[in-house]
N, C-alpha and C. Protein backbone atom coordinates (compact mmCIF):
# COMPACT_ATOMS: atom_id res chain seq x y z
N MET A 1 10.17 9.56 -30.41
CA MET A 1 11.42 10.16 -30.01
C MET A 1 12.56 9.19 -30.29
N GLY A 2 13.69 9.77 -30.59
CA GLY A 2 14.85 8.95 -30.89
C GLY A 2 15.59 8.52 -29.63
N ILE A 3 16.59 7.69 -29.82
CA ILE A 3 17.34 7.14 -28.70
C ILE A 3 18.06 8.24 -27.91
N ILE A 4 18.54 9.27 -28.60
CA ILE A 4 19.20 10.38 -27.90
C ILE A 4 18.22 11.08 -26.98
N ALA A 5 16.99 11.29 -27.42
CA ALA A 5 15.96 11.93 -26.59
C ALA A 5 15.66 11.05 -25.38
N TRP A 6 15.59 9.74 -25.57
CA TRP A 6 15.33 8.82 -24.45
C TRP A 6 16.45 8.92 -23.42
N ILE A 7 17.68 9.00 -23.88
CA ILE A 7 18.82 9.09 -22.97
C ILE A 7 18.77 10.40 -22.18
N ILE A 8 18.53 11.50 -22.88
CA ILE A 8 18.48 12.81 -22.21
C ILE A 8 17.34 12.85 -21.20
N ILE A 9 16.16 12.42 -21.60
CA ILE A 9 15.01 12.41 -20.70
C ILE A 9 15.26 11.46 -19.53
N GLY A 10 15.89 10.31 -19.81
CA GLY A 10 16.21 9.36 -18.75
C GLY A 10 17.15 9.94 -17.71
N ILE A 11 18.19 10.63 -18.17
CA ILE A 11 19.15 11.25 -17.25
C ILE A 11 18.46 12.33 -16.41
N VAL A 12 17.69 13.18 -17.07
CA VAL A 12 17.01 14.26 -16.35
C VAL A 12 16.00 13.69 -15.36
N ALA A 13 15.21 12.72 -15.79
CA ALA A 13 14.21 12.12 -14.89
C ALA A 13 14.87 11.40 -13.73
N GLY A 14 15.95 10.69 -14.00
CA GLY A 14 16.67 10.00 -12.92
C GLY A 14 17.26 10.98 -11.93
N TRP A 15 17.81 12.09 -12.43
CA TRP A 15 18.37 13.11 -11.56
C TRP A 15 17.28 13.77 -10.72
N LEU A 16 16.15 14.11 -11.36
CA LEU A 16 15.04 14.72 -10.63
C LEU A 16 14.52 13.79 -9.54
N ALA A 17 14.36 12.51 -9.87
CA ALA A 17 13.89 11.53 -8.88
C ALA A 17 14.89 11.40 -7.74
N GLU A 18 16.17 11.43 -8.07
CA GLU A 18 17.23 11.36 -7.07
C GLU A 18 17.11 12.54 -6.10
N GLN A 19 16.86 13.73 -6.62
CA GLN A 19 16.73 14.92 -5.79
C GLN A 19 15.47 14.85 -4.93
N ILE A 20 14.37 14.40 -5.51
CA ILE A 20 13.10 14.30 -4.79
C ILE A 20 13.21 13.29 -3.66
N MET A 21 13.86 12.17 -3.92
CA MET A 21 13.95 11.09 -2.93
C MET A 21 15.15 11.25 -1.99
N GLY A 22 15.97 12.25 -2.18
CA GLY A 22 17.11 12.49 -1.31
C GLY A 22 18.20 11.43 -1.43
N ARG A 23 18.42 10.94 -2.62
CA ARG A 23 19.45 9.92 -2.86
C ARG A 23 20.65 10.55 -3.53
N ASN A 24 21.71 9.78 -3.69
CA ASN A 24 22.91 10.27 -4.35
C ASN A 24 23.47 9.15 -5.23
N HIS A 25 23.21 9.24 -6.52
CA HIS A 25 23.67 8.24 -7.49
C HIS A 25 24.55 8.91 -8.53
N GLY A 26 25.13 8.10 -9.37
CA GLY A 26 25.94 8.62 -10.47
C GLY A 26 25.12 8.78 -11.73
N LEU A 27 25.77 9.25 -12.77
CA LEU A 27 25.13 9.53 -14.06
C LEU A 27 24.51 8.28 -14.68
N ILE A 28 25.25 7.18 -14.69
CA ILE A 28 24.75 5.94 -15.30
C ILE A 28 23.54 5.42 -14.53
N THR A 29 23.62 5.46 -13.20
CA THR A 29 22.48 5.01 -12.39
C THR A 29 21.27 5.90 -12.63
N ASN A 30 21.48 7.20 -12.75
CA ASN A 30 20.37 8.11 -13.06
C ASN A 30 19.74 7.76 -14.40
N LEU A 31 20.57 7.44 -15.38
CA LEU A 31 20.07 7.06 -16.70
C LEU A 31 19.22 5.80 -16.60
N ILE A 32 19.73 4.79 -15.92
CA ILE A 32 19.01 3.52 -15.79
C ILE A 32 17.69 3.73 -15.05
N VAL A 33 17.76 4.43 -13.92
CA VAL A 33 16.54 4.70 -13.13
C VAL A 33 15.55 5.52 -13.97
N GLY A 34 16.03 6.49 -14.71
CA GLY A 34 15.16 7.32 -15.54
C GLY A 34 14.48 6.55 -16.66
N VAL A 35 15.23 5.69 -17.33
CA VAL A 35 14.65 4.92 -18.44
C VAL A 35 13.64 3.89 -17.91
N ILE A 36 14.00 3.18 -16.83
CA ILE A 36 13.06 2.23 -16.24
C ILE A 36 11.86 2.98 -15.69
N GLY A 37 12.11 4.15 -15.09
CA GLY A 37 11.02 4.99 -14.60
C GLY A 37 10.10 5.45 -15.72
N ALA A 38 10.66 5.73 -16.88
CA ALA A 38 9.84 6.12 -18.03
C ALA A 38 8.91 4.97 -18.44
N LEU A 39 9.42 3.76 -18.40
CA LEU A 39 8.58 2.60 -18.72
C LEU A 39 7.47 2.43 -17.70
N ILE A 40 7.82 2.55 -16.42
CA ILE A 40 6.82 2.42 -15.35
C ILE A 40 5.80 3.56 -15.46
N GLY A 41 6.29 4.79 -15.58
CA GLY A 41 5.40 5.94 -15.68
C GLY A 41 4.52 5.88 -16.91
N GLY A 42 5.08 5.44 -18.04
CA GLY A 42 4.30 5.31 -19.26
C GLY A 42 3.21 4.26 -19.13
N PHE A 43 3.54 3.16 -18.47
CA PHE A 43 2.54 2.11 -18.25
C PHE A 43 1.40 2.62 -17.38
N ILE A 44 1.76 3.29 -16.28
CA ILE A 44 0.74 3.81 -15.36
C ILE A 44 -0.10 4.89 -16.04
N ALA A 45 0.55 5.81 -16.75
CA ALA A 45 -0.18 6.87 -17.45
C ALA A 45 -1.13 6.28 -18.50
N GLY A 46 -0.66 5.27 -19.22
CA GLY A 46 -1.50 4.61 -20.22
C GLY A 46 -2.69 3.91 -19.59
N ALA A 47 -2.46 3.26 -18.45
CA ALA A 47 -3.54 2.56 -17.76
C ALA A 47 -4.59 3.54 -17.23
N LEU A 48 -4.15 4.74 -16.86
CA LEU A 48 -5.07 5.75 -16.36
C LEU A 48 -5.67 6.61 -17.47
N GLY A 49 -5.22 6.38 -18.70
CA GLY A 49 -5.74 7.14 -19.83
C GLY A 49 -5.16 8.54 -19.96
N ILE A 50 -4.00 8.76 -19.34
CA ILE A 50 -3.34 10.06 -19.39
C ILE A 50 -2.39 10.08 -20.57
N SER A 51 -2.44 11.12 -21.37
CA SER A 51 -1.58 11.22 -22.54
C SER A 51 -0.86 12.57 -22.55
N TRP A 52 0.40 12.56 -22.12
CA TRP A 52 1.23 13.76 -22.16
C TRP A 52 2.28 13.57 -23.21
N GLY A 53 2.40 14.53 -24.09
CA GLY A 53 3.37 14.42 -25.15
C GLY A 53 4.48 15.44 -25.02
N GLY A 54 5.44 15.33 -25.88
CA GLY A 54 6.54 16.28 -25.91
C GLY A 54 7.58 16.01 -24.83
N TRP A 55 8.59 16.86 -24.83
CA TRP A 55 9.71 16.71 -23.90
C TRP A 55 9.28 16.86 -22.45
N ILE A 56 8.49 17.90 -22.18
CA ILE A 56 8.10 18.18 -20.80
C ILE A 56 7.20 17.08 -20.25
N GLY A 57 6.20 16.71 -21.02
CA GLY A 57 5.29 15.64 -20.58
C GLY A 57 6.02 14.33 -20.37
N SER A 58 6.92 13.99 -21.29
CA SER A 58 7.69 12.76 -21.16
C SER A 58 8.59 12.79 -19.93
N THR A 59 9.18 13.94 -19.66
CA THR A 59 10.04 14.07 -18.49
C THR A 59 9.24 13.95 -17.20
N ILE A 60 8.06 14.53 -17.16
CA ILE A 60 7.20 14.43 -15.97
C ILE A 60 6.80 12.98 -15.73
N VAL A 61 6.34 12.30 -16.77
CA VAL A 61 5.93 10.90 -16.64
C VAL A 61 7.11 10.04 -16.22
N ALA A 62 8.27 10.24 -16.83
CA ALA A 62 9.46 9.46 -16.49
C ALA A 62 9.91 9.74 -15.06
N THR A 63 9.82 10.97 -14.62
CA THR A 63 10.21 11.32 -13.26
C THR A 63 9.28 10.67 -12.24
N ILE A 64 8.00 10.71 -12.49
CA ILE A 64 7.04 10.06 -11.60
C ILE A 64 7.33 8.56 -11.51
N GLY A 65 7.58 7.94 -12.66
CA GLY A 65 7.92 6.52 -12.66
C GLY A 65 9.22 6.23 -11.93
N ALA A 66 10.22 7.11 -12.09
CA ALA A 66 11.51 6.93 -11.42
C ALA A 66 11.37 7.09 -9.91
N VAL A 67 10.54 8.03 -9.46
CA VAL A 67 10.30 8.20 -8.03
C VAL A 67 9.63 6.93 -7.47
N ILE A 68 8.67 6.40 -8.19
CA ILE A 68 8.01 5.16 -7.77
C ILE A 68 9.03 4.03 -7.70
N LEU A 69 9.90 3.93 -8.69
CA LEU A 69 10.93 2.89 -8.70
C LEU A 69 11.86 3.03 -7.50
N LEU A 70 12.34 4.22 -7.23
CA LEU A 70 13.24 4.43 -6.09
C LEU A 70 12.54 4.15 -4.77
N PHE A 71 11.26 4.50 -4.68
CA PHE A 71 10.49 4.21 -3.47
C PHE A 71 10.39 2.70 -3.25
N LEU A 72 10.04 1.97 -4.31
CA LEU A 72 9.92 0.51 -4.20
C LEU A 72 11.26 -0.15 -3.88
N LEU A 73 12.33 0.34 -4.50
CA LEU A 73 13.66 -0.19 -4.20
C LEU A 73 14.04 0.07 -2.75
N GLY A 74 13.64 1.23 -2.22
CA GLY A 74 13.90 1.54 -0.82
C GLY A 74 13.16 0.59 0.12
N LEU A 75 11.92 0.22 -0.25
CA LEU A 75 11.17 -0.72 0.57
C LEU A 75 11.82 -2.09 0.57
N VAL A 76 12.27 -2.53 -0.60
CA VAL A 76 12.91 -3.84 -0.71
C VAL A 76 14.24 -3.84 0.03
N LYS A 77 14.98 -2.76 -0.05
CA LYS A 77 16.28 -2.66 0.59
C LYS A 77 16.16 -2.72 2.12
N ARG A 78 15.10 -2.11 2.66
CA ARG A 78 14.88 -2.12 4.11
C ARG A 78 14.60 -3.52 4.63
N ARG A 79 13.87 -4.30 3.83
CA ARG A 79 13.50 -5.66 4.25
C ARG A 79 14.69 -6.60 4.22
N ALA A 80 15.63 -6.34 3.35
CA ALA A 80 16.77 -7.25 3.20
C ALA A 80 17.81 -7.04 4.27
């Protein structure tokens, strides 16, 4: 996938994770969370041997990773 696809999937995944976790961020934060979430989700999916392709599969994996990222950030934020 090209960089434009990564950006679109990142924004969508970040927004979906934001909705799931009950947070309120801006567009740029959603993009960052979505792209980092895609890396986390891709790593976990690869480690588990799961291979989802295409736009929908990539969005699902990125969203799962973004939810995990927001959850971990919430844990760190509570401790600080």
